[in-house]
PDB file of N, CA and C in Angstrom:
ATOM      1  N   MET A   1     -18.796  28.930  31.918  1.00  0.00           N
ATOM      2  CA  MET A   1     -19.839  29.190  30.781  1.00  0.00           C
ATOM      3  C   MET A   1     -19.005  29.434  29.544  1.00  0.00           C
ATOM      4  N   PHE A   2     -19.230  28.882  28.321  1.00  0.00           N
ATOM      5  CA  PHE A   2     -18.726  29.041  27.150  1.00  0.00           C
ATOM      6  C   PHE A   2     -19.997  29.179  26.448  1.00  0.00           C
ATOM      7  N   ARG A   3     -19.332  30.259  25.271  1.00  0.00           N
ATOM      8  CA  ARG A   3     -19.718  30.278  23.991  1.00  0.00           C
ATOM      9  C   ARG A   3     -19.738  29.492  22.945  1.00  0.00           C
ATOM     10  N   VAL A   4     -20.968  28.808  21.632  1.00  0.00           N
ATOM     11  CA  VAL A   4     -20.517  28.322  20.778  1.00  0.00           C
ATOM     12  C   VAL A   4     -19.803  29.327  19.932  1.00  0.00           C
ATOM     13  N   LEU A   5     -18.867  28.738  18.915  1.00  0.00           N
ATOM     14  CA  LEU A   5     -18.467  29.864  17.555  1.00  0.00           C
ATOM     15  C   LEU A   5     -19.429  29.272  16.476  1.00  0.00           C
ATOM     16  N   ARG A   6     -19.977  30.595  15.113  1.00  0.00           N
ATOM     17  CA  ARG A   6     -20.077  29.694  14.388  1.00  0.00           C
ATOM     18  C   ARG A   6     -19.144  29.589  13.869  1.00  0.00           C
ATOM     19  N   PRO A   7     -19.435  28.648  12.783  1.00  0.00           N
ATOM     20  CA  PRO A   7     -18.474  28.264  11.695  1.00  0.00           C
ATOM     21  C   PRO A   7     -17.565  29.380  10.952  1.00  0.00           C
ATOM     22  N   GLY A   8     -16.639  29.321  10.060  1.00  0.00           N
ATOM     23  CA  GLY A   8     -16.007  30.567   9.345  1.00  0.00           C
ATOM     24  C   GLY A   8     -15.431  31.240   9.873  1.00  0.00           C
ATOM     25  N   LYS A   9     -15.637  32.743   9.144  1.00  0.00           N
ATOM     26  CA  LYS A   9     -14.968  34.036   9.715  1.00  0.00           C
ATOM     27  C   LYS A   9     -14.966  34.632  11.151  1.00  0.00           C
ATOM     28  N   GLU A  10     -15.920  34.143  11.739  1.00  0.00           N
ATOM     29  CA  GLU A  10     -16.013  34.742  13.684  1.00  0.00           C
ATOM     30  C   GLU A  10     -15.197  33.698  13.475  1.00  0.00           C
ATOM     31  N   VAL A  11     -14.862  32.061  13.551  1.00  0.00           N
ATOM     32  CA  VAL A  11     -13.743  31.146  14.166  1.00  0.00           C
ATOM     33  C   VAL A  11     -12.558  31.674  13.787  1.00  0.00           C
ATOM     34  N   GLU A  12     -12.440  32.186  12.267  1.00  0.00           N
ATOM     35  CA  GLU A  12     -10.388  32.829  12.105  1.00  0.00           C
ATOM     36  C   GLU A  12     -10.133  34.176  12.231  1.00  0.00           C
ATOM     37  N   GLU A  13     -11.681  34.595  12.672  1.00  0.00           N
ATOM     38  CA  GLU A  13     -11.173  36.194  13.462  1.00  0.00           C
ATOM     39  C   GLU A  13     -10.779  36.689  14.843  1.00  0.00           C
ATOM     40  N   HIS A  14     -11.417  34.997  15.622  1.00  0.00           N
ATOM     41  CA  HIS A  14     -10.409  34.610  17.040  1.00  0.00           C
ATOM     42  C   HIS A  14      -9.130  34.241  16.983  1.00  0.00           C
ATOM     43  N   ALA A  15      -8.793  33.655  15.596  1.00  0.00           N
ATOM     44  CA  ALA A  15      -7.931  32.923  15.882  1.00  0.00           C
ATOM     45  C   ALA A  15      -6.859  34.186  15.662  1.00  0.00           C
ATOM     46  N   LEU A  16      -6.807  35.349  14.978  1.00  0.00           N
ATOM     47  CA  LEU A  16      -6.470  35.993  14.505  1.00  0.00           C
ATOM     48  C   LEU A  16      -6.175  37.343  15.916  1.00  0.00           C
ATOM     49  N   GLU A  17      -6.439  37.657  16.652  1.00  0.00           N
ATOM     50  CA  GLU A  17      -6.947  37.880  17.811  1.00  0.00           C
ATOM     51  C   GLU A  17      -6.316  37.620  18.765  1.00  0.00           C
ATOM     52  N   ALA A  18      -6.233  36.301  19.210  1.00  0.00           N
ATOM     53  CA  ALA A  18      -5.072  35.260  19.902  1.00  0.00           C
ATOM     54  C   ALA A  18      -3.937  35.741  19.833  1.00  0.00           C
ATOM     55  N   GLY A  19      -2.966  35.619  18.296  1.00  0.00           N
ATOM     56  CA  GLY A  19      -2.205  35.683  17.966  1.00  0.00           C
ATOM     57  C   GLY A  19      -1.590  35.268  17.346  1.00  0.00           C
ATOM     58  N   PHE A  20      -2.831  34.591  16.069  1.00  0.00           N
ATOM     59  CA  PHE A  20      -1.600  34.027  15.105  1.00  0.00           C
ATOM     60  C   PHE A  20      -2.296  34.661  13.707  1.00  0.00           C
ATOM     61  N   CYS A  21      -0.990  34.220  12.822  1.00  0.00           N
ATOM     62  CA  CYS A  21      -0.713  35.240  11.569  1.00  0.00           C
ATOM     63  C   CYS A  21      -2.192  34.952  10.722  1.00  0.00           C
ATOM     64  N   THR A  22      -2.157  33.146  10.285  1.00  0.00           N
ATOM     65  CA  THR A  22      -3.210  33.149   9.461  1.00  0.00           C
ATOM     66  C   THR A  22      -3.674  32.354  10.444  1.00  0.00           C
ATOM     67  N   SER A  23      -5.097  32.371   9.156  1.00  0.00           N
ATOM     68  CA  SER A  23      -6.281  31.417  10.049  1.00  0.00           C
ATOM     69  C   SER A  23      -6.762  31.090   8.857  1.00  0.00           C
ATOM     70  N   THR A  24      -7.237  29.579   8.813  1.00  0.00           N
ATOM     71  CA  THR A  24      -8.343  29.117   7.926  1.00  0.00           C
ATOM     72  C   THR A  24      -9.599  28.833   8.307  1.00  0.00           C
ATOM     73  N   HIS A  25     -10.780  28.386   8.542  1.00  0.00           N
ATOM     74  CA  HIS A  25     -11.352  27.611   8.900  1.00  0.00           C
ATOM     75  C   HIS A  25     -11.675  25.771   7.969  1.00  0.00           C
ATOM     76  N   TYR A  26     -12.118  24.848   7.643  1.00  0.00           N
ATOM     77  CA  TYR A  26     -12.842  23.852   6.828  1.00  0.00           C
ATOM     78  C   TYR A  26     -13.531  23.370   7.400  1.00  0.00           C
ATOM     79  N   GLU A  27     -14.589  23.187   6.899  1.00  0.00           N
ATOM     80  CA  GLU A  27     -15.486  22.684   7.556  1.00  0.00           C
ATOM     81  C   GLU A  27     -15.706  21.559   7.188  1.00  0.00           C
ATOM     82  N   ILE A  28     -16.156  20.589   8.006  1.00  0.00           N
ATOM     83  CA  ILE A  28     -15.735  18.911   8.061  1.00  0.00           C
ATOM     84  C   ILE A  28     -17.893  18.526   7.978  1.00  0.00           C
ATOM     85  N   SER A  29     -18.159  17.545   8.313  1.00  0.00           N
ATOM     86  CA  SER A  29     -19.654  16.912   8.458  1.00  0.00           C
ATOM     87  C   SER A  29     -20.558  17.495   8.368  1.00  0.00           C
ATOM     88  N   GLY A  30     -20.821  17.975   6.739  1.00  0.00           N
ATOM     89  CA  GLY A  30     -21.737  18.777   6.131  1.00  0.00           C
ATOM     90  C   GLY A  30     -21.862  20.011   6.693  1.00  0.00           C
ATOM     91  N   GLY A  31     -20.750  20.421   7.799  1.00  0.00           N
ATOM     92  CA  GLY A  31     -20.593  21.903   8.482  1.00  0.00           C
ATOM     93  C   GLY A  31     -21.601  22.124   9.741  1.00  0.00           C
ATOM     94  N   LEU A  32     -21.505  20.650  10.646  1.00  0.00           N
ATOM     95  CA  LEU A  32     -21.742  20.380  11.464  1.00  0.00           C
ATOM     96  C   LEU A  32     -20.587  20.372  12.550  1.00  0.00           C
ATOM     97  N   MET A  33     -19.610  20.452  12.091  1.00  0.00           N
ATOM     98  CA  MET A  33     -17.933  20.760  12.461  1.00  0.00           C
ATOM     99  C   MET A  33     -17.124  21.257  11.847  1.00  0.00           C
ATOM    100  N   GLY A  34     -15.821  21.122  12.202  1.00  0.00           N
ATOM    101  CA  GLY A  34     -14.674  22.161  11.701  1.00  0.00           C
ATOM    102  C   GLY A  34     -13.544  22.412  12.511  1.00  0.00           C
ATOM    103  N   ASN A  35     -12.789  21.965  11.280  1.00  0.00           N
ATOM    104  CA  ASN A  35     -11.058  22.287  11.858  1.00  0.00           C
ATOM    105  C   ASN A  35     -10.399  23.196  11.276  1.00  0.00           C
ATOM    106  N   VAL A  36     -10.250  24.905  12.815  1.00  0.00           N
ATOM    107  CA  VAL A  36      -8.860  25.427  12.312  1.00  0.00           C
ATOM    108  C   VAL A  36      -7.588  25.082  12.540  1.00  0.00           C
ATOM    109  N   VAL A  37      -6.935  25.869  11.461  1.00  0.00           N
ATOM    110  CA  VAL A  37      -5.733  25.670  11.088  1.00  0.00           C
ATOM    111  C   VAL A  37      -5.085  27.024  10.883  1.00  0.00           C
ATOM    112  N   ALA A  38      -3.886  26.879  12.290  1.00  0.00           N
ATOM    113  CA  ALA A  38      -3.534  28.741  12.256  1.00  0.00           C
ATOM    114  C   ALA A  38      -1.952  28.455  12.351  1.00  0.00           C
ATOM    115  N   THR A  39      -1.618  29.681  11.792  1.00  0.00           N
ATOM    116  CA  THR A  39      -0.135  29.603  12.101  1.00  0.00           C
ATOM    117  C   THR A  39       0.527  30.453  12.803  1.00  0.00           C
ATOM    118  N   ARG A  40       1.333  30.609  13.479  1.00  0.00           N
ATOM    119  CA  ARG A  40       2.095  32.593  14.080  1.00  0.00           C
ATOM    120  C   ARG A  40       2.990  32.421  13.422  1.00  0.00           C
TER     121      ARG A  40
END
Protein backbone atom coordinates (compact mmCIF):
# COMPACT_ATOMS: atom_id res chain seq x y z
CA MET A 1 0.00 0.00 0.00
CA PHE A 2 1.24 3.49 -0.71
CA ARG A 3 0.12 7.05 -0.26
CA VAL A 4 0.38 9.91 -2.70
CA LEU A 5 2.03 12.94 -1.11
CA ARG A 6 0.96 16.47 -1.82
CA PRO A 7 3.67 18.49 -3.49
CA GLY A 8 5.44 21.20 -1.56
CA LYS A 9 5.85 21.43 2.18
CA GLU A 10 4.56 17.91 2.92
CA VAL A 11 7.27 16.29 0.79
CA GLU A 12 9.93 18.60 2.23
CA GLU A 13 8.87 17.72 5.79
CA HIS A 14 9.08 13.98 5.08
CA ALA A 15 12.62 14.38 3.77
CA LEU A 16 13.62 16.27 6.91
CA GLU A 17 12.02 13.59 9.12
CA ALA A 18 14.05 10.97 7.22
CA GLY A 19 17.27 12.65 8.34
CA PHE A 20 18.10 15.10 5.58
CA CYS A 21 19.48 18.52 6.60
CA THR A 22 17.81 20.53 3.86
CA SER A 23 14.96 19.83 1.50
CA THR A 24 13.46 21.83 -1.36
CA HIS A 25 10.58 20.85 -3.63
CA TYR A 26 10.46 22.12 -7.22
CA GLU A 27 7.24 21.84 -9.22
CA ILE A 28 7.44 20.73 -12.83
CA SER A 29 4.81 20.18 -15.53
CA GLY A 30 2.52 22.85 -14.13
CA GLY A 31 2.41 21.24 -10.68
CA LEU A 32 1.50 17.75 -11.90
CA MET A 33 4.90 16.42 -10.89
CA GLY A 34 7.77 17.57 -8.78
CA ASN A 35 11.38 17.07 -7.82
CA VAL A 36 12.75 17.04 -4.28
CA VAL A 37 16.35 18.06 -3.71
CA ALA A 38 17.61 17.02 -0.28
CA THR A 39 21.06 17.04 1.29
CA ARG A 40 22.48 15.27 4.32
